[in-house]
Amino acid sequence: VNESTLSKIWSRILVLSAAEDSPREYISLMNSIFAAQKMSVLIDIC
């Protein structure tokens, strides 16, 4: 969406979690977190 528009879009992600942590997802999850930080995308957790 950001690539298809000229104006800045302030995006955010809301996660509604009802599950426990999965240690096998640590690598891919941290990659997504740092990618969101670089894109200035807030990740809210409930």
All heavy atoms as atom14 arrays in JSON, in Angstrom:
{
  "sequence": "VNESTLSKIWSRILVLSAAEDSPREYISLMNSIFAAQKMSVLIDIC",
  "atom14_mask": [
    [1, 1, 1, 1, 1, 1, 1, 0, 0, 0, 0, 0, 0, 0],
    [1, 1, 1, 1, 1, 1, 1, 1, 0, 0, 0, 0, 0, 0],
    [1, 1, 1, 1, 1, 1, 1, 1, 1, 0, 0, 0, 0, 0],
    [1, 1, 1, 1, 1, 1, 0, 0, 0, 0, 0, 0, 0, 0],
    [1, 1, 1, 1, 1, 1, 1, 0, 0, 0, 0, 0, 0, 0],
    [1, 1, 1, 1, 1, 1, 1, 1, 0, 0, 0, 0, 0, 0],
    [1, 1, 1, 1, 1, 1, 0, 0, 0, 0, 0, 0, 0, 0],
    [1, 1, 1, 1, 1, 1, 1, 1, 1, 0, 0, 0, 0, 0],
    [1, 1, 1, 1, 1, 1, 1, 1, 0, 0, 0, 0, 0, 0],
    [1, 1, 1, 1, 1, 1, 1, 1, 1, 1, 1, 1, 1, 1],
    [1, 1, 1, 1, 1, 1, 0, 0, 0, 0, 0, 0, 0, 0],
    [1, 1, 1, 1, 1, 1, 1, 1, 1, 1, 1, 0, 0, 0],
    [1, 1, 1, 1, 1, 1, 1, 1, 0, 0, 0, 0, 0, 0],
    [1, 1, 1, 1, 1, 1, 1, 1, 0, 0, 0, 0, 0, 0],
    [1, 1, 1, 1, 1, 1, 1, 0, 0, 0, 0, 0, 0, 0],
    [1, 1, 1, 1, 1, 1, 1, 1, 0, 0, 0, 0, 0, 0],
    [1, 1, 1, 1, 1, 1, 0, 0, 0, 0, 0, 0, 0, 0],
    [1, 1, 1, 1, 1, 0, 0, 0, 0, 0, 0, 0, 0, 0],
    [1, 1, 1, 1, 1, 0, 0, 0, 0, 0, 0, 0, 0, 0],
    [1, 1, 1, 1, 1, 1, 1, 1, 1, 0, 0, 0, 0, 0],
    [1, 1, 1, 1, 1, 1, 1, 1, 0, 0, 0, 0, 0, 0],
    [1, 1, 1, 1, 1, 1, 0, 0, 0, 0, 0, 0, 0, 0],
    [1, 1, 1, 1, 1, 1, 1, 0, 0, 0, 0, 0, 0, 0],
    [1, 1, 1, 1, 1, 1, 1, 1, 1, 1, 1, 0, 0, 0],
    [1, 1, 1, 1, 1, 1, 1, 1, 1, 0, 0, 0, 0, 0],
    [1, 1, 1, 1, 1, 1, 1, 1, 1, 1, 1, 1, 0, 0],
    [1, 1, 1, 1, 1, 1, 1, 1, 0, 0, 0, 0, 0, 0],
    [1, 1, 1, 1, 1, 1, 0, 0, 0, 0, 0, 0, 0, 0],
    [1, 1, 1, 1, 1, 1, 1, 1, 0, 0, 0, 0, 0, 0],
    [1, 1, 1, 1, 1, 1, 1, 1, 0, 0, 0, 0, 0, 0],
    [1, 1, 1, 1, 1, 1, 1, 1, 0, 0, 0, 0, 0, 0],
    [1, 1, 1, 1, 1, 1, 0, 0, 0, 0, 0, 0, 0, 0],
    [1, 1, 1, 1, 1, 1, 1, 1, 0, 0, 0, 0, 0, 0],
    [1, 1, 1, 1, 1, 1, 1, 1, 1, 1, 1, 0, 0, 0],
    [1, 1, 1, 1, 1, 0, 0, 0, 0, 0, 0, 0, 0, 0],
    [1, 1, 1, 1, 1, 0, 0, 0, 0, 0, 0, 0, 0, 0],
    [1, 1, 1, 1, 1, 1, 1, 1, 1, 0, 0, 0, 0, 0],
    [1, 1, 1, 1, 1, 1, 1, 1, 1, 0, 0, 0, 0, 0],
    [1, 1, 1, 1, 1, 1, 1, 1, 0, 0, 0, 0, 0, 0],
    [1, 1, 1, 1, 1, 1, 0, 0, 0, 0, 0, 0, 0, 0],
    [1, 1, 1, 1, 1, 1, 1, 0, 0, 0, 0, 0, 0, 0],
    [1, 1, 1, 1, 1, 1, 1, 1, 0, 0, 0, 0, 0, 0],
    [1, 1, 1, 1, 1, 1, 1, 1, 0, 0, 0, 0, 0, 0],
    [1, 1, 1, 1, 1, 1, 1, 1, 0, 0, 0, 0, 0, 0],
    [1, 1, 1, 1, 1, 1, 1, 1, 0, 0, 0, 0, 0, 0],
    [1, 1, 1, 1, 1, 1, 0, 0, 0, 0, 0, 0, 0, 0]
  ],
  "atom14_positions": [
    [[0.83, -1.2, 0.0], [0.0, 0.0, 0.0], [0.87, 1.25, 0.0], [0.57, 2.24, -0.7], [-0.95, -0.01, 1.22], [-1.71, 1.31, 1.33], [-1.93, -1.16, 1.11], [0.0, 0.0, 0.0], [0.0, 0.0, 0.0], [0.0, 0.0, 0.0], [0.0, 0.0, 0.0], [0.0, 0.0, 0.0], [0.0, 0.0, 0.0], [0.0, 0.0, 0.0]],
    [[1.96, 1.24, 0.77], [2.84, 2.4, 0.81], [3.5, 2.65, -0.55], [3.71, 3.81, -0.94], [3.92, 2.2, 1.88], [3.36, 2.3, 3.28], [2.34, 2.94, 3.52], [4.02, 1.65, 4.23], [0.0, 0.0, 0.0], [0.0, 0.0, 0.0], [0.0, 0.0, 0.0], [0.0, 0.0, 0.0], [0.0, 0.0, 0.0], [0.0, 0.0, 0.0]],
    [[3.83, 1.59, -1.27], [4.46, 1.76, -2.57], [3.49, 2.28, -3.62], [3.9, 2.89, -4.61], [5.05, 0.42, -3.04], [6.23, -0.06, -2.2], [7.45, 0.82, -2.34], [7.58, 1.48, -3.4], [8.27, 0.87, -1.41], [0.0, 0.0, 0.0], [0.0, 0.0, 0.0], [0.0, 0.0, 0.0], [0.0, 0.0, 0.0], [0.0, 0.0, 0.0]],
    [[2.2, 2.03, -3.41], [1.21, 2.43, -4.41], [0.64, 3.82, -4.17], [-0.14, 4.31, -4.99], [0.05, 1.42, -4.43], [-0.59, 1.36, -3.17], [0.0, 0.0, 0.0], [0.0, 0.0, 0.0], [0.0, 0.0, 0.0], [0.0, 0.0, 0.0], [0.0, 0.0, 0.0], [0.0, 0.0, 0.0], [0.0, 0.0, 0.0], [0.0, 0.0, 0.0]],
    [[1.0, 4.47, -3.07], [0.5, 5.81, -2.76], [1.66, 6.77, -2.59], [2.77, 6.37, -2.21], [-0.35, 5.79, -1.48], [0.45, 5.28, -0.39], [-1.59, 4.93, -1.66], [0.0, 0.0, 0.0], [0.0, 0.0, 0.0], [0.0, 0.0, 0.0], [0.0, 0.0, 0.0], [0.0, 0.0, 0.0], [0.0, 0.0, 0.0], [0.0, 0.0, 0.0]],
    [[1.39, 8.04, -2.86], [2.42, 9.06, -2.73], [2.5, 9.62, -1.32], [3.57, 10.0, -0.85], [2.16, 10.2, -3.73], [2.18, 9.8, -5.21], [1.84, 11.0, -6.08], [3.52, 9.22, -5.6], [0.0, 0.0, 0.0], [0.0, 0.0, 0.0], [0.0, 0.0, 0.0], [0.0, 0.0, 0.0], [0.0, 0.0, 0.0], [0.0, 0.0, 0.0]],
    [[1.37, 9.69, -0.62], [1.34, 10.25, 0.73], [1.75, 9.2, 1.75], [1.66, 7.99, 1.52], [-0.06, 10.78, 1.05], [-1.01, 9.73, 0.95], [0.0, 0.0, 0.0], [0.0, 0.0, 0.0], [0.0, 0.0, 0.0], [0.0, 0.0, 0.0], [0.0, 0.0, 0.0], [0.0, 0.0, 0.0], [0.0, 0.0, 0.0], [0.0, 0.0, 0.0]],
    [[2.2, 9.68, 2.9], [2.62, 8.8, 3.98], [1.41, 8.2, 4.68], [0.48, 8.91, 5.04], [3.49, 9.59, 4.98], [3.86, 8.83, 6.24], [4.76, 7.65, 5.95], [5.21, 6.96, 7.23], [6.08, 5.8, 6.97], [0.0, 0.0, 0.0], [0.0, 0.0, 0.0], [0.0, 0.0, 0.0], [0.0, 0.0, 0.0], [0.0, 0.0, 0.0]],
    [[1.43, 6.91, 4.88], [0.35, 6.2, 5.57], [0.89, 5.7, 6.89], [1.85, 4.93, 6.93], [-0.18, 5.04, 4.71], [-0.78, 5.56, 3.41], [-1.23, 4.25, 5.49], [-1.31, 4.47, 2.52], [0.0, 0.0, 0.0], [0.0, 0.0, 0.0], [0.0, 0.0, 0.0], [0.0, 0.0, 0.0], [0.0, 0.0, 0.0], [0.0, 0.0, 0.0]],
    [[0.25, 6.12, 7.97], [0.67, 5.69, 9.31], [-0.08, 4.4, 9.65], [-1.23, 4.43, 10.07], [0.39, 6.77, 10.34], [1.18, 8.02, 10.08], [0.78, 9.15, 9.44], [2.54, 8.24, 10.45], [1.79, 10.07, 9.37], [2.89, 9.54, 10.0], [3.5, 7.48, 11.12], [4.15, 10.09, 10.19], [4.75, 8.03, 11.31], [5.07, 9.3, 10.86]],
    [[0.6, 3.3, 9.45], [-0.03, 1.99, 9.65], [0.31, 1.46, 11.04], [1.32, 1.82, 11.64], [0.45, 1.0, 8.58], [0.23, 1.51, 7.29], [0.0, 0.0, 0.0], [0.0, 0.0, 0.0], [0.0, 0.0, 0.0], [0.0, 0.0, 0.0], [0.0, 0.0, 0.0], [0.0, 0.0, 0.0], [0.0, 0.0, 0.0], [0.0, 0.0, 0.0]],
    [[-0.54, 0.58, 11.51], [-0.3, -0.1, 12.79], [-0.94, -1.47, 12.77], [-1.87, -1.72, 11.99], [-0.81, 0.73, 13.98], [-2.23, 1.26, 13.83], [-2.48, 2.38, 14.81], [-3.74, 3.06, 14.59], [-4.82, 2.94, 15.37], [-4.77, 2.14, 16.43], [-5.92, 3.61, 15.11], [0.0, 0.0, 0.0], [0.0, 0.0, 0.0], [0.0, 0.0, 0.0]],
    [[-0.44, -2.33, 13.61], [-0.92, -3.71, 13.69], [-1.4, -3.98, 15.11], [-0.7, -3.67, 16.08], [0.2, -4.71, 13.31], [0.68, -4.45, 11.88], [-0.27, -6.14, 13.47], [1.87, -5.31, 11.49], [0.0, 0.0, 0.0], [0.0, 0.0, 0.0], [0.0, 0.0, 0.0], [0.0, 0.0, 0.0], [0.0, 0.0, 0.0], [0.0, 0.0, 0.0]],
    [[-2.58, -4.55, 15.22], [-3.13, -4.95, 16.52], [-3.22, -6.47, 16.55], [-3.83, -7.09, 15.68], [-4.51, -4.34, 16.73], [-5.28, -4.81, 17.98], [-4.5, -4.49, 19.25], [-6.68, -4.21, 18.03], [0.0, 0.0, 0.0], [0.0, 0.0, 0.0], [0.0, 0.0, 0.0], [0.0, 0.0, 0.0], [0.0, 0.0, 0.0], [0.0, 0.0, 0.0]],
    [[-2.6, -7.06, 17.56], [-2.58, -8.51, 17.72], [-3.43, -8.88, 18.93], [-3.14, -8.44, 20.05], [-1.14, -9.04, 17.91], [-1.15, -10.55, 18.11], [-0.28, -8.67, 16.72], [0.0, 0.0, 0.0], [0.0, 0.0, 0.0], [0.0, 0.0, 0.0], [0.0, 0.0, 0.0], [0.0, 0.0, 0.0], [0.0, 0.0, 0.0], [0.0, 0.0, 0.0]],
    [[-4.47, -9.66, 18.69], [-5.28, -10.23, 19.77], [-4.8, -11.66, 19.99], [-5.09, -12.54, 19.17], [-6.77, -10.19, 19.42], [-7.39, -8.8, 19.24], [-8.86, -8.92, 18.87], [-7.23, -7.97, 20.49], [0.0, 0.0, 0.0], [0.0, 0.0, 0.0], [0.0, 0.0, 0.0], [0.0, 0.0, 0.0], [0.0, 0.0, 0.0], [0.0, 0.0, 0.0]],
    [[-4.07, -11.88, 21.06], [-3.41, -13.16, 21.27], [-4.16, -13.97, 22.33], [-4.5, -13.46, 23.4], [-1.96, -12.95, 21.72], [-1.35, -14.17, 22.05], [0.0, 0.0, 0.0], [0.0, 0.0, 0.0], [0.0, 0.0, 0.0], [0.0, 0.0, 0.0], [0.0, 0.0, 0.0], [0.0, 0.0, 0.0], [0.0, 0.0, 0.0], [0.0, 0.0, 0.0]],
    [[-4.4, -15.24, 22.0], [-5.01, -16.17, 22.94], [-4.21, -17.46, 23.02], [-4.72, -18.49, 23.44], [-6.45, -16.47, 22.54], [0.0, 0.0, 0.0], [0.0, 0.0, 0.0], [0.0, 0.0, 0.0], [0.0, 0.0, 0.0], [0.0, 0.0, 0.0], [0.0, 0.0, 0.0], [0.0, 0.0, 0.0], [0.0, 0.0, 0.0], [0.0, 0.0, 0.0]],
    [[-2.94, -17.41, 22.61], [-2.09, -18.6, 22.59], [-0.79, -18.31, 23.32], [-0.44, -17.16, 23.57], [-1.81, -19.04, 21.15], [0.0, 0.0, 0.0], [0.0, 0.0, 0.0], [0.0, 0.0, 0.0], [0.0, 0.0, 0.0], [0.0, 0.0, 0.0], [0.0, 0.0, 0.0], [0.0, 0.0, 0.0], [0.0, 0.0, 0.0], [0.0, 0.0, 0.0]],
    [[-0.08, -19.36, 23.65], [1.21, -19.24, 24.32], [2.32, -19.03, 23.29], [2.13, -19.21, 22.09], [1.49, -20.49, 25.15], [0.45, -20.78, 26.22], [0.38, -19.7, 27.28], [1.42, -19.04, 27.52], [-0.71, -19.5, 27.85], [0.0, 0.0, 0.0], [0.0, 0.0, 0.0], [0.0, 0.0, 0.0], [0.0, 0.0, 0.0], [0.0, 0.0, 0.0]],
    [[3.49, -18.64, 23.79], [4.64, -18.43, 22.91], [5.1, -19.75, 22.3], [5.04, -20.81, 22.94], [5.81, -17.81, 23.69], [5.58, -16.33, 23.96], [4.82, -15.71, 23.21], [6.18, -15.82, 24.92], [0.0, 0.0, 0.0], [0.0, 0.0, 0.0], [0.0, 0.0, 0.0], [0.0, 0.0, 0.0], [0.0, 0.0, 0.0], [0.0, 0.0, 0.0]],
    [[5.55, -19.66, 21.06], [6.14, -20.81, 20.38], [7.61, -20.53, 20.16], [7.97, -19.69, 19.33], [5.43, -21.04, 19.04], [6.05, -22.08, 18.33], [0.0, 0.0, 0.0], [0.0, 0.0, 0.0], [0.0, 0.0, 0.0], [0.0, 0.0, 0.0], [0.0, 0.0, 0.0], [0.0, 0.0, 0.0], [0.0, 0.0, 0.0], [0.0, 0.0, 0.0]],
    [[8.5, -21.2, 20.9], [9.94, -20.92, 20.74], [10.46, -21.15, 19.33], [11.42, -20.51, 18.91], [10.6, -21.9, 21.73], [9.53, -22.2, 22.74], [8.25, -22.17, 21.97], [0.0, 0.0, 0.0], [0.0, 0.0, 0.0], [0.0, 0.0, 0.0], [0.0, 0.0, 0.0], [0.0, 0.0, 0.0], [0.0, 0.0, 0.0], [0.0, 0.0, 0.0]],
    [[9.83, -22.01, 18.55], [10.29, -22.27, 17.19], [10.06, -21.07, 16.27], [10.63, -21.0, 15.19], [9.57, -23.5, 16.63], [9.91, -24.79, 17.36], [9.23, -25.98, 16.72], [9.6, -27.22, 17.4], [10.68, -27.92, 17.13], [11.49, -27.52, 16.18], [10.95, -29.03, 17.79], [0.0, 0.0, 0.0], [0.0, 0.0, 0.0], [0.0, 0.0, 0.0]],
    [[9.21, -20.15, 16.69], [8.93, -18.98, 15.87], [9.81, -17.79, 16.23], [9.58, -16.7, 15.69], [7.47, -18.57, 16.02], [6.5, -19.41, 15.23], [5.2, -18.68, 15.0], [4.68, -18.1, 15.96], [4.72, -18.67, 13.87], [0.0, 0.0, 0.0], [0.0, 0.0, 0.0], [0.0, 0.0, 0.0], [0.0, 0.0, 0.0], [0.0, 0.0, 0.0]],
    [[10.77, -17.97, 17.1], [11.53, -16.83, 17.59], [12.26, -16.1, 16.47], [12.21, -14.86, 16.38], [12.52, -17.3, 18.66], [13.42, -16.19, 19.17], [12.95, -15.24, 20.05], [14.75, -16.11, 18.76], [13.76, -14.22, 20.51], [15.58, -15.09, 19.21], [15.07, -14.16, 20.1], [15.89, -13.15, 20.56], [0.0, 0.0, 0.0], [0.0, 0.0, 0.0]],
    [[12.92, -16.82, 15.58], [13.72, -16.2, 14.52], [12.84, -15.4, 13.58], [13.07, -14.21, 13.32], [14.52, -17.26, 13.76], [15.41, -18.06, 14.72], [15.35, -16.62, 12.66], [16.14, -19.2, 14.06], [0.0, 0.0, 0.0], [0.0, 0.0, 0.0], [0.0, 0.0, 0.0], [0.0, 0.0, 0.0], [0.0, 0.0, 0.0], [0.0, 0.0, 0.0]],
    [[11.81, -16.05, 13.03], [10.93, -15.37, 12.08], [10.15, -14.24, 12.75], [9.9, -13.2, 12.13], [9.96, -16.38, 11.46], [9.25, -17.08, 12.47], [0.0, 0.0, 0.0], [0.0, 0.0, 0.0], [0.0, 0.0, 0.0], [0.0, 0.0, 0.0], [0.0, 0.0, 0.0], [0.0, 0.0, 0.0], [0.0, 0.0, 0.0], [0.0, 0.0, 0.0]],
    [[9.8, -14.42, 14.02], [9.05, -13.37, 14.72], [9.91, -12.14, 14.95], [9.47, -11.0, 14.75], [8.52, -13.92, 16.05], [7.62, -12.97, 16.86], [6.4, -12.58, 16.05], [7.21, -13.63, 18.16], [0.0, 0.0, 0.0], [0.0, 0.0, 0.0], [0.0, 0.0, 0.0], [0.0, 0.0, 0.0], [0.0, 0.0, 0.0], [0.0, 0.0, 0.0]],
    [[11.17, -12.34, 15.35], [12.06, -11.2, 15.57], [12.37, -10.49, 14.26], [12.5, -9.25, 14.23], [13.35, -11.67, 16.25], [13.17, -12.18, 17.66], [12.37, -10.99, 18.76], [13.56, -9.66, 18.78], [0.0, 0.0, 0.0], [0.0, 0.0, 0.0], [0.0, 0.0, 0.0], [0.0, 0.0, 0.0], [0.0, 0.0, 0.0], [0.0, 0.0, 0.0]],
    [[12.49, -11.23, 13.16], [12.68, -10.59, 11.86], [11.5, -9.68, 11.51], [11.69, -8.57, 10.99], [12.88, -11.65, 10.78], [14.21, -12.37, 10.9], [15.16, -11.84, 11.46], [14.27, -13.58, 10.39], [0.0, 0.0, 0.0], [0.0, 0.0, 0.0], [0.0, 0.0, 0.0], [0.0, 0.0, 0.0], [0.0, 0.0, 0.0], [0.0, 0.0, 0.0]],
    [[10.29, -10.14, 11.79], [9.11, -9.33, 11.53], [9.07, -8.1, 12.43], [8.66, -7.01, 12.0], [7.84, -10.17, 11.73], [7.82, -11.28, 10.85], [0.0, 0.0, 0.0], [0.0, 0.0, 0.0], [0.0, 0.0, 0.0], [0.0, 0.0, 0.0], [0.0, 0.0, 0.0], [0.0, 0.0, 0.0], [0.0, 0.0, 0.0], [0.0, 0.0, 0.0]],
    [[9.5, -8.26, 13.67], [9.48, -7.13, 14.61], [10.44, -6.04, 14.16], [10.1, -4.84, 14.14], [9.83, -7.62, 16.03], [8.73, -8.55, 16.56], [10.03, -6.44, 16.97], [9.08, -9.22, 17.86], [0.0, 0.0, 0.0], [0.0, 0.0, 0.0], [0.0, 0.0, 0.0], [0.0, 0.0, 0.0], [0.0, 0.0, 0.0], [0.0, 0.0, 0.0]],
    [[11.65, -6.42, 13.78], [12.62, -5.42, 13.33], [12.22, -4.81, 11.99], [12.52, -3.64, 11.73], [14.01, -6.04, 13.25], [14.62, -6.33, 14.59], [14.96, -7.64, 14.95], [14.83, -5.32, 15.51], [15.51, -7.91, 16.19], [15.38, -5.6, 16.76], [15.72, -6.88, 17.1], [0.0, 0.0, 0.0], [0.0, 0.0, 0.0], [0.0, 0.0, 0.0]],
    [[11.55, -5.58, 11.15], [11.03, -5.01, 9.9], [9.95, -3.97, 10.18], [9.9, -2.92, 9.53], [10.47, -6.13, 9.01], [0.0, 0.0, 0.0], [0.0, 0.0, 0.0], [0.0, 0.0, 0.0], [0.0, 0.0, 0.0], [0.0, 0.0, 0.0], [0.0, 0.0, 0.0], [0.0, 0.0, 0.0], [0.0, 0.0, 0.0], [0.0, 0.0, 0.0]],
    [[9.09, -4.25, 11.16], [8.06, -3.28, 11.54], [8.69, -2.01, 12.13], [8.23, -0.89, 11.87], [7.1, -3.91, 12.54], [0.0, 0.0, 0.0], [0.0, 0.0, 0.0], [0.0, 0.0, 0.0], [0.0, 0.0, 0.0], [0.0, 0.0, 0.0], [0.0, 0.0, 0.0], [0.0, 0.0, 0.0], [0.0, 0.0, 0.0], [0.0, 0.0, 0.0]],
    [[9.75, -2.18, 12.9], [10.45, -1.0, 13.46], [11.05, -0.15, 12.35], [10.97, 1.09, 12.39], [11.54, -1.47, 14.42], [12.3, -0.33, 15.09], [13.5, -0.83, 15.86], [14.14, -1.8, 15.48], [13.82, -0.17, 16.97], [0.0, 0.0, 0.0], [0.0, 0.0, 0.0], [0.0, 0.0, 0.0], [0.0, 0.0, 0.0], [0.0, 0.0, 0.0]],
    [[11.62, -0.77, 11.33], [12.21, -0.03, 10.22], [11.15, 0.68, 9.4], [11.38, 1.78, 8.87], [13.02, -0.99, 9.34], [13.79, -0.3, 8.23], [14.64, -1.29, 7.46], [15.45, -0.59, 6.38], [16.29, -1.56, 5.61], [0.0, 0.0, 0.0], [0.0, 0.0, 0.0], [0.0, 0.0, 0.0], [0.0, 0.0, 0.0], [0.0, 0.0, 0.0]],
    [[9.96, 0.1, 9.3], [8.86, 0.69, 8.54], [8.03, 1.66, 9.36], [7.05, 2.21, 8.85], [7.97, -0.41, 7.99], [8.65, -1.35, 7.01], [7.64, -2.81, 6.61], [6.18, -2.03, 5.94], [0.0, 0.0, 0.0], [0.0, 0.0, 0.0], [0.0, 0.0, 0.0], [0.0, 0.0, 0.0], [0.0, 0.0, 0.0], [0.0, 0.0, 0.0]],
    [[8.39, 1.87, 10.64], [7.64, 2.76, 11.56], [6.19, 2.28, 11.73], [5.25, 3.09, 11.73], [7.67, 4.21, 11.06], [9.0, 4.67, 10.97], [0.0, 0.0, 0.0], [0.0, 0.0, 0.0], [0.0, 0.0, 0.0], [0.0, 0.0, 0.0], [0.0, 0.0, 0.0], [0.0, 0.0, 0.0], [0.0, 0.0, 0.0], [0.0, 0.0, 0.0]],
    [[6.03, 0.99, 11.89], [4.72, 0.39, 12.08], [4.59, -0.03, 13.55], [5.4, -0.81, 14.05], [4.51, -0.83, 11.16], [3.17, -1.49, 11.45], [4.59, -0.4, 9.71], [0.0, 0.0, 0.0], [0.0, 0.0, 0.0], [0.0, 0.0, 0.0], [0.0, 0.0, 0.0], [0.0, 0.0, 0.0], [0.0, 0.0, 0.0], [0.0, 0.0, 0.0]],
    [[3.6, 0.51, 14.23], [3.36, 0.14, 15.62], [2.72, -1.24, 15.71], [1.84, -1.56, 14.91], [2.46, 1.17, 16.31], [2.95, 2.62, 16.36], [1.94, 3.48, 17.11], [4.31, 2.72, 16.99], [0.0, 0.0, 0.0], [0.0, 0.0, 0.0], [0.0, 0.0, 0.0], [0.0, 0.0, 0.0], [0.0, 0.0, 0.0], [0.0, 0.0, 0.0]],
    [[3.15, -2.02, 16.66], [2.55, -3.33, 16.92], [1.95, -3.29, 18.32], [2.66, -3.26, 19.32], [3.57, -4.47, 16.8], [4.18, -4.51, 15.41], [2.92, -5.81, 17.13], [5.21, -5.62, 15.22], [0.0, 0.0, 0.0], [0.0, 0.0, 0.0], [0.0, 0.0, 0.0], [0.0, 0.0, 0.0], [0.0, 0.0, 0.0], [0.0, 0.0, 0.0]],
    [[0.62, -3.26, 18.39], [-0.1, -3.28, 19.65], [-0.48, -4.72, 19.98], [-0.89, -5.48, 19.1], [-1.35, -2.41, 19.58], [-1.02, -0.93, 19.39], [0.02, -0.5, 19.9], [-1.81, -0.23, 18.73], [0.0, 0.0, 0.0], [0.0, 0.0, 0.0], [0.0, 0.0, 0.0], [0.0, 0.0, 0.0], [0.0, 0.0, 0.0], [0.0, 0.0, 0.0]],
    [[-0.36, -5.06, 21.25], [-0.65, -6.42, 21.7], [-1.72, -6.38, 22.77], [-1.6, -5.63, 23.76], [0.61, -7.12, 22.25], [1.77, -7.01, 21.27], [0.31, -8.56, 22.59], [1.56, -7.71, 19.96], [0.0, 0.0, 0.0], [0.0, 0.0, 0.0], [0.0, 0.0, 0.0], [0.0, 0.0, 0.0], [0.0, 0.0, 0.0], [0.0, 0.0, 0.0]],
    [[-2.76, -7.16, 22.6], [-3.78, -7.36, 23.62], [-3.82, -8.85, 23.94], [-4.3, -9.65, 23.14], [-5.15, -6.86, 23.14], [-6.46, -7.03, 24.37], [0.0, 0.0, 0.0], [0.0, 0.0, 0.0], [0.0, 0.0, 0.0], [0.0, 0.0, 0.0], [0.0, 0.0, 0.0], [0.0, 0.0, 0.0], [0.0, 0.0, 0.0], [0.0, 0.0, 0.0]]
  ]
}
